[in-house]
Amino acid sequence: MKWSNHSRLHDCTATRMQDTLVLQNTWDVMRANDNLLKSPFFPVLFSFTVYMAFCLPFVLLDVFSPKLTFLRKYKIQQQNYPTWAMIRICIIQTVYNHIVFIFPLTVAHWYWRPVTYPVQAPGLVKALLDILACLLLFDFQNFVWHLVHHKVPWLYKNFHKVHHKHTSTFALTTEHSGAWETLSLGFFAAINPLLLNCHPLTEMLFFVVNIWLSVEDHSGYDFPWSTHRLVPFGLFGGAPHHDGHHLKFKFNYAPYFTHWDRLFGTLLKTSVKEN
């Protein structure tokens, strides 16, 4: 019996070590470049680079899919495609927001709260659960913010209306917003990993996942491998969910998951094309 207990304890310890080692090599490489990570320029460059990298494939789709039937069938609003002028305006708005609003805040954060990085990486399971927790919390915060800014006409007109310039979304409309919306939603994303005491690597992974889901939401495309098709029971809305919001305005306020819209009766029954 003692041997059996010892064996189980050894197996559990080995499993925990393997779980940690999955991310440890990546974390070691990142810590070896801690001068970059601790730079006041890193957060804004990281955010902008990841965002543009995720947008680029969809921009290419918008360029080529009108001419290619096998791609065009995945476009949600097939009659609407962004023009080069629309793309240019969105890029300029994104660059402006990052330079004028986001960068000064990251410098202030760098000055008042210097970053320290632990030696050990988080366990893979712990990191995944923390990312999910951050997403669920952000989804709730965004839902409340979004609902209030639609229900109060003054807030909509002065702060949120700019994001609704396009009733047919494309990837670069993700960050086409004014200062208040950029800063308030950015604050939610930044504060949640701190509230949940996440590891710095988990925090960065959450930012990557959050940016990807936001871009996918605004992409205007519904693929067989899209996130909402991978999550069962209609729990995740995805691009059709958010496209419906931009088209109808009074429904689908949650950015990712559907449970808050179901609970508040604001879920639009969208018909997703079967591919």
Protein backbone atom coordinates (compact mmCIF):
# COMPACT_ATOMS: atom_id res chain seq x y z
CA MET A 1 0.00 0.00 0.00
CA LYS A 2 2.80 2.41 0.89
CA TRP A 3 4.51 1.60 -2.41
CA SER A 4 1.24 2.23 -4.30
CA ASN A 5 0.77 5.61 -2.61
CA HIS A 6 4.39 6.53 -3.30
CA SER A 7 3.95 5.56 -6.95
CA ARG A 8 0.81 7.69 -7.32
CA LEU A 9 2.56 10.64 -5.68
CA HIS A 10 5.50 10.22 -8.05
CA ASP A 11 3.16 10.11 -11.05
CA CYS A 12 1.34 13.27 -9.92
CA THR A 13 4.63 15.09 -9.40
CA ALA A 14 5.86 14.01 -12.84
CA THR A 15 2.61 15.17 -14.44
CA ARG A 16 2.88 18.58 -12.79
CA MET A 17 6.47 18.93 -13.95
CA GLN A 18 5.49 18.04 -17.53
CA ASP A 19 2.60 20.51 -17.36
CA THR A 20 5.00 23.30 -16.33
CA LEU A 21 7.73 22.34 -18.81
CA VAL A 22 5.35 22.77 -21.75
CA LEU A 23 5.63 26.57 -21.43
CA GLN A 24 8.96 26.78 -19.59
CA ASN A 25 11.19 26.78 -22.69
CA THR A 26 9.13 29.55 -24.25
CA TRP A 27 9.25 31.54 -21.04
CA ASP A 28 13.03 31.06 -20.72
CA VAL A 29 13.54 32.46 -24.23
CA MET A 30 11.34 35.44 -23.42
CA ARG A 31 13.12 36.13 -20.13
CA ALA A 32 16.46 36.05 -21.97
CA ASN A 33 15.17 39.13 -23.81
CA ASP A 34 13.82 40.87 -20.72
CA ASN A 35 15.29 44.19 -21.80
CA LEU A 36 12.78 44.17 -24.63
CA LEU A 37 9.93 42.99 -22.42
CA LYS A 38 10.63 45.70 -19.85
CA SER A 39 10.87 48.45 -22.44
CA PRO A 40 8.10 51.08 -22.32
CA PHE A 41 7.78 50.58 -26.09
CA PHE A 42 7.06 46.83 -25.87
CA PRO A 43 3.34 46.84 -24.90
CA VAL A 44 2.26 49.21 -27.67
CA LEU A 45 4.46 47.51 -30.28
CA PHE A 46 3.25 44.09 -29.14
CA SER A 47 -0.41 45.14 -29.33
CA PHE A 48 -0.09 46.83 -32.71
CA THR A 49 2.01 44.06 -34.31
CA VAL A 50 -0.27 41.24 -33.15
CA TYR A 51 -3.36 43.17 -34.25
CA MET A 52 -2.07 43.96 -37.73
CA ALA A 53 -0.75 40.40 -38.19
CA PHE A 54 -4.21 39.01 -37.41
CA CYS A 55 -5.93 41.55 -39.67
CA LEU A 56 -3.67 40.96 -42.68
CA PRO A 57 -5.11 37.57 -43.79
CA PHE A 58 -8.63 39.00 -43.74
CA VAL A 59 -7.54 42.09 -45.67
CA LEU A 60 -6.13 39.76 -48.33
CA LEU A 61 -9.41 37.84 -48.34
CA ASP A 62 -11.30 41.10 -48.88
CA VAL A 63 -9.05 41.82 -51.86
CA PHE A 64 -9.27 38.42 -53.53
CA SER A 65 -12.59 36.87 -52.46
CA PRO A 66 -14.79 39.10 -54.68
CA LYS A 67 -13.10 37.49 -57.67
CA LEU A 68 -12.94 33.92 -56.30
CA THR A 69 -16.22 32.07 -55.80
CA PHE A 70 -14.78 29.44 -53.46
CA LEU A 71 -13.73 32.23 -51.06
CA ARG A 72 -16.69 34.55 -51.59
CA LYS A 73 -19.14 31.98 -50.23
CA TYR A 74 -17.66 32.42 -46.75
CA LYS A 75 -18.38 36.18 -46.69
CA ILE A 76 -21.35 36.92 -44.43
CA GLN A 77 -22.51 40.02 -46.33
CA GLN A 78 -21.40 39.07 -49.83
CA GLN A 79 -22.62 42.32 -51.38
CA ASN A 80 -20.38 44.48 -49.17
CA TYR A 81 -16.60 44.71 -49.38
CA PRO A 82 -14.31 47.39 -47.95
CA THR A 83 -12.72 49.88 -50.31
CA TRP A 84 -9.06 50.88 -50.13
CA ALA A 85 -10.17 54.24 -48.73
CA MET A 86 -12.04 52.49 -45.89
CA ILE A 87 -9.02 50.29 -45.17
CA ARG A 88 -6.69 53.29 -45.14
CA ILE A 89 -8.91 55.26 -42.74
CA CYS A 90 -9.10 52.33 -40.31
CA ILE A 91 -5.31 51.86 -40.34
CA ILE A 92 -4.75 55.58 -39.72
CA GLN A 93 -7.24 55.49 -36.83
CA THR A 94 -5.49 52.46 -35.30
CA VAL A 95 -2.03 54.03 -35.56
CA TYR A 96 -3.37 57.28 -34.09
CA ASN A 97 -4.99 55.50 -31.13
CA HIS A 98 -1.83 53.54 -30.37
CA ILE A 99 0.47 56.57 -30.53
CA VAL A 100 -1.72 59.22 -28.90
CA PHE A 101 -3.60 57.19 -26.27
CA ILE A 102 -2.12 53.75 -25.66
CA PHE A 103 1.59 54.61 -25.74
CA PRO A 104 1.46 57.36 -23.06
CA LEU A 105 -0.42 55.00 -20.74
CA THR A 106 2.12 52.20 -21.21
CA VAL A 107 4.93 54.65 -20.44
CA ALA A 108 3.14 55.78 -17.28
CA HIS A 109 2.61 52.15 -16.27
CA TRP A 110 6.27 51.38 -16.97
CA TYR A 111 7.34 54.31 -14.78
CA TRP A 112 5.01 53.79 -11.83
CA ARG A 113 4.83 49.99 -11.79
CA PRO A 114 8.04 48.34 -13.06
CA VAL A 115 7.53 44.81 -14.38
CA THR A 116 9.14 41.82 -12.67
CA TYR A 117 9.21 38.35 -14.20
CA PRO A 118 9.28 35.11 -12.18
CA VAL A 119 11.72 32.35 -13.13
CA GLN A 120 9.10 29.63 -13.40
CA ALA A 121 6.52 29.49 -16.18
CA PRO A 122 2.87 28.77 -15.42
CA GLY A 123 1.49 25.29 -15.85
CA LEU A 124 -0.31 24.75 -19.15
CA VAL A 125 -3.64 23.82 -17.54
CA LYS A 126 -3.46 26.77 -15.12
CA ALA A 127 -2.62 29.14 -18.00
CA LEU A 128 -5.54 27.90 -20.10
CA LEU A 129 -8.00 28.19 -17.20
CA ASP A 130 -6.75 31.70 -16.40
CA ILE A 131 -7.10 32.76 -20.04
CA LEU A 132 -10.68 31.44 -20.08
CA ALA A 133 -11.43 33.27 -16.82
CA CYS A 134 -10.03 36.52 -18.27
CA LEU A 135 -12.13 36.09 -21.40
CA LEU A 136 -15.32 35.44 -19.43
CA LEU A 137 -14.70 38.47 -17.23
CA PHE A 138 -13.88 40.68 -20.22
CA ASP A 139 -16.99 39.40 -22.01
CA PHE A 140 -19.16 40.47 -19.07
CA GLN A 141 -17.50 43.89 -18.74
CA ASN A 142 -17.75 44.52 -22.46
CA PHE A 143 -21.41 43.42 -22.50
CA VAL A 144 -22.35 45.88 -19.73
CA TRP A 145 -20.30 48.73 -21.29
CA HIS A 146 -21.75 48.01 -24.73
CA LEU A 147 -25.36 47.74 -23.54
CA VAL A 148 -25.15 50.99 -21.57
CA HIS A 149 -23.59 52.85 -24.51
CA HIS A 150 -26.48 51.74 -26.73
CA LYS A 151 -29.25 52.40 -24.23
CA VAL A 152 -28.09 55.91 -23.33
CA PRO A 153 -28.36 58.06 -26.50
CA TRP A 154 -25.81 60.64 -25.30
CA LEU A 155 -23.18 57.94 -24.70
CA TYR A 156 -23.87 56.34 -28.07
CA LYS A 157 -23.72 59.60 -29.98
CA ASN A 158 -20.59 60.94 -28.32
CA PHE A 159 -18.53 57.80 -27.72
CA HIS A 160 -19.69 54.65 -29.51
CA LYS A 161 -21.23 55.82 -32.77
CA VAL A 162 -17.86 56.03 -34.54
CA HIS A 163 -17.46 52.25 -34.16
CA HIS A 164 -20.79 51.75 -35.94
CA LYS A 165 -19.78 53.67 -39.03
CA HIS A 166 -19.76 50.36 -40.93
CA THR A 167 -22.83 48.11 -40.90
CA SER A 168 -20.81 45.46 -42.72
CA THR A 169 -17.73 44.74 -40.63
CA PHE A 170 -14.24 43.91 -41.87
CA ALA A 171 -11.18 43.04 -39.79
CA LEU A 172 -9.73 46.54 -39.55
CA THR A 173 -12.96 47.93 -38.08
CA THR A 174 -12.07 46.06 -34.87
CA GLU A 175 -10.15 49.05 -33.48
CA HIS A 176 -11.96 51.75 -35.42
CA SER A 177 -13.13 53.59 -32.32
CA GLY A 178 -12.69 56.82 -30.42
CA ALA A 179 -10.45 57.54 -27.44
CA TRP A 180 -12.99 56.67 -24.74
CA GLU A 181 -13.89 53.28 -26.22
CA THR A 182 -10.26 52.41 -26.95
CA LEU A 183 -9.13 53.28 -23.43
CA SER A 184 -12.05 51.83 -21.48
CA LEU A 185 -12.09 48.46 -23.24
CA GLY A 186 -8.30 48.41 -23.17
CA PHE A 187 -8.47 49.03 -19.42
CA PHE A 188 -10.74 46.00 -18.94
CA ALA A 189 -8.35 43.80 -20.92
CA ALA A 190 -5.32 45.08 -18.99
CA ILE A 191 -6.80 44.93 -15.48
CA ASN A 192 -8.34 41.45 -15.64
CA PRO A 193 -5.07 39.46 -15.55
CA LEU A 194 -4.02 41.59 -12.55
CA LEU A 195 -7.34 40.98 -10.77
CA LEU A 196 -6.99 37.24 -11.35
CA ASN A 197 -3.29 37.24 -10.40
CA CYS A 198 -2.21 35.74 -13.71
CA HIS A 199 1.37 34.89 -14.61
CA PRO A 200 2.95 37.46 -17.01
CA LEU A 201 3.14 34.82 -19.76
CA THR A 202 -0.54 34.01 -19.25
CA GLU A 203 -1.29 37.72 -19.46
CA MET A 204 0.46 37.99 -22.83
CA LEU A 205 -1.27 34.86 -24.12
CA PHE A 206 -4.62 36.31 -23.04
CA PHE A 207 -3.88 39.51 -24.97
CA VAL A 208 -3.08 37.46 -28.08
CA VAL A 209 -6.26 35.37 -27.77
CA ASN A 210 -8.37 38.44 -27.02
CA ILE A 211 -7.04 40.33 -30.03
CA TRP A 212 -7.59 37.34 -32.30
CA LEU A 213 -11.19 36.81 -31.15
CA SER A 214 -11.93 40.53 -31.59
CA VAL A 215 -10.50 40.53 -35.11
CA GLU A 216 -12.33 37.33 -36.01
CA ASP A 217 -15.57 38.85 -34.64
CA HIS A 218 -15.22 41.80 -37.02
CA SER A 219 -13.78 39.87 -39.96
CA GLY A 220 -17.09 39.44 -41.76
CA TYR A 221 -16.26 35.81 -42.61
CA ASP A 222 -17.81 32.56 -41.41
CA PHE A 223 -15.51 29.59 -42.02
CA PRO A 224 -16.06 25.93 -41.08
CA TRP A 225 -13.16 26.29 -38.61
CA SER A 226 -14.32 29.58 -37.09
CA THR A 227 -14.30 29.67 -33.29
CA HIS A 228 -18.08 29.73 -32.91
CA ARG A 229 -18.28 26.46 -34.88
CA LEU A 230 -15.68 24.80 -32.65
CA VAL A 231 -17.40 25.74 -29.37
CA PRO A 232 -20.51 23.54 -28.88
CA PHE A 233 -24.12 24.37 -27.99
CA GLY A 234 -24.04 27.86 -29.50
CA LEU A 235 -22.16 29.20 -26.47
CA PHE A 236 -19.88 31.35 -28.63
CA GLY A 237 -21.26 33.89 -31.08
CA GLY A 238 -18.33 34.63 -33.36
CA ALA A 239 -18.42 36.70 -36.55
CA PRO A 240 -22.11 36.07 -37.43
CA HIS A 241 -23.11 37.16 -33.91
CA HIS A 242 -21.20 40.44 -34.04
CA ASP A 243 -21.98 41.08 -37.70
CA GLY A 244 -25.64 40.86 -36.72
CA HIS A 245 -25.05 43.50 -34.06
CA HIS A 246 -23.55 45.96 -36.54
CA LEU A 247 -26.39 45.27 -38.96
CA LYS A 248 -29.30 45.47 -36.47
CA PHE A 249 -27.76 47.61 -33.65
CA LYS A 250 -30.17 46.51 -30.89
CA PHE A 251 -29.02 42.92 -30.43
CA ASN A 252 -25.91 40.84 -29.64
CA TYR A 253 -24.08 43.18 -27.27
CA ALA A 254 -21.65 40.60 -25.84
CA PRO A 255 -18.40 40.38 -27.83
CA TYR A 256 -17.79 36.64 -27.61
CA PHE A 257 -20.11 34.38 -25.65
CA THR A 258 -23.88 34.31 -26.01
CA HIS A 259 -25.10 33.66 -22.44
CA TRP A 260 -25.48 37.32 -21.42
CA ASP A 261 -27.53 38.15 -24.52
CA ARG A 262 -29.68 35.07 -23.90
CA LEU A 263 -30.22 36.10 -20.28
CA PHE A 264 -31.16 39.71 -21.13
CA GLY A 265 -33.24 38.83 -24.19
CA THR A 266 -30.95 40.64 -26.62
CA LEU A 267 -29.81 37.63 -28.64
CA LEU A 268 -30.53 37.94 -32.36
CA LYS A 269 -31.33 34.62 -33.97
CA THR A 270 -28.87 34.69 -36.85
CA SER A 271 -28.90 32.08 -39.56
CA VAL A 272 -25.35 30.89 -40.02
CA LYS A 273 -24.57 29.50 -43.44
CA GLU A 274 -23.77 25.83 -43.48
CA ASN A 275 -20.50 25.22 -45.27
